[in-house]
Every structure is written in structure tokens, then in C-alpha cells.
Amino acid sequence: MIALERAVLASFSDRAPCKSKVRRPPSEDALAEAERLRGTGTSCSATAARVVIDLSHHAAVADRLWTAPTPEEDHVE
């Protein structure tokens, strides 16, 4: 216990605490990139105009993992 106490006390410092992060508004470049990613601007490319993501495979795997396997399923290879 003494070694643990010494290790904890040794980690303390008399230095000033860390400065908190300065909250700055997003730059013009950041706002333009966010607009591009959302596709709300006028420069939306034709290939990214409509993106469809099919999550049916993910949902099927998640459903299978949600329940415990039965003994019959456990021995199937």
C-alpha cells in the first residue's frame, strides 16, 4: 500500500492546470466542407447525388448475435 500511495502522490504536480480548449467557430473552409459532405451546396457531384446504403446484411447479423445459439446451431460447422 505504501508503494501505491507514493506512486499516486508522485504523480501530482504544482504546475498550473491544463488550459481548456478554446471554442472557436468553424472556419469558412470547414463550413464549405460540411456543406459538401451534406450535399446541400450547388457543387454536389453527380456520382454522390444519391447514395444508398443497404443495411439488411448488418441487421441480419445483428439479429443472429442478439440471441444465444441453440445446441443444434452450436454444433453446425
Protein backbone atom coordinates (compact mmCIF):
# COMPACT_ATOMS: atom_id res chain seq x y z
CA MET A 1 0.00 0.00 0.00
CA ILE A 2 2.84 2.38 0.74
CA ALA A 3 4.27 1.96 -2.76
CA LEU A 4 0.87 2.70 -4.28
CA GLU A 5 0.47 5.79 -2.11
CA ARG A 6 3.92 7.02 -3.10
CA ALA A 7 3.15 6.45 -6.79
CA VAL A 8 -0.09 8.41 -6.53
CA LEU A 9 1.47 11.27 -4.62
CA ALA A 10 4.42 11.40 -7.03
CA SER A 11 2.05 11.92 -9.95
CA PHE A 12 0.73 15.21 -8.51
CA SER A 13 2.27 18.44 -9.69
CA ASP A 14 2.31 22.05 -8.56
CA ARG A 15 2.11 23.25 -12.16
CA ALA A 16 -0.84 25.23 -13.37
CA PRO A 17 -3.77 23.15 -14.63
CA CYS A 18 -4.09 22.50 -18.35
CA LYS A 19 -5.80 25.20 -20.33
CA SER A 20 -9.22 24.27 -21.56
CA LYS A 21 -9.84 24.06 -25.27
CA VAL A 22 -10.76 27.34 -26.86
CA ARG A 23 -14.08 27.05 -28.65
CA ARG A 24 -13.78 28.77 -32.00
CA PRO A 25 -16.46 28.90 -34.66
CA PRO A 26 -15.78 26.73 -37.71
CA SER A 27 -13.71 28.32 -40.45
CA GLU A 28 -15.07 29.09 -43.92
CA ASP A 29 -13.21 26.04 -45.26
CA ALA A 30 -14.77 23.81 -42.58
CA LEU A 31 -18.25 25.14 -43.33
CA ALA A 32 -17.74 24.59 -47.07
CA GLU A 33 -16.56 21.01 -46.46
CA ALA A 34 -19.55 20.30 -44.20
CA GLU A 35 -21.86 21.66 -46.89
CA ARG A 36 -20.15 19.48 -49.49
CA LEU A 37 -20.48 16.37 -47.30
CA ARG A 38 -24.15 17.04 -46.61
CA GLY A 39 -24.77 17.64 -50.29
CA THR A 40 -26.65 20.85 -49.65
CA GLY A 41 -24.46 23.05 -51.81
CA THR A 42 -24.58 23.71 -55.51
CA SER A 43 -21.37 21.77 -56.18
CA CYS A 44 -22.78 18.30 -55.50
CA SER A 45 -21.22 15.83 -57.93
CA ALA A 46 -23.43 13.53 -59.98
CA THR A 47 -21.90 10.36 -58.51
CA ALA A 48 -22.67 11.38 -54.94
CA ALA A 49 -26.08 12.87 -55.65
CA ARG A 50 -27.84 9.74 -54.38
CA VAL A 51 -26.10 7.32 -52.05
CA VAL A 52 -27.99 4.23 -50.94
CA ILE A 53 -26.63 2.03 -48.18
CA ASP A 54 -28.26 -1.36 -47.67
CA LEU A 55 -28.03 -2.39 -44.02
CA SER A 56 -30.08 -5.59 -44.36
CA HIS A 57 -27.00 -7.83 -44.07
CA HIS A 58 -25.85 -5.95 -40.98
CA ALA A 59 -29.34 -6.23 -39.46
CA ALA A 60 -29.43 -9.98 -40.11
CA VAL A 61 -26.05 -10.50 -38.43
CA ALA A 62 -27.05 -8.28 -35.51
CA ASP A 63 -30.29 -10.25 -35.05
CA ARG A 64 -28.35 -13.51 -35.08
CA LEU A 65 -25.90 -12.22 -32.47
CA TRP A 66 -28.70 -10.87 -30.26
CA THR A 67 -29.85 -14.38 -29.26
CA ALA A 68 -27.84 -17.25 -27.81
CA PRO A 69 -27.27 -20.15 -30.22
CA THR A 70 -29.29 -23.31 -29.71
CA PRO A 71 -27.38 -26.58 -29.17
CA GLU A 72 -28.17 -27.59 -32.78
CA GLU A 73 -26.71 -24.35 -34.15
CA ASP A 74 -23.69 -24.61 -31.87
CA HIS A 75 -22.51 -27.89 -33.47
CA VAL A 76 -23.09 -26.91 -37.12
CA GLU A 77 -19.84 -26.26 -38.98
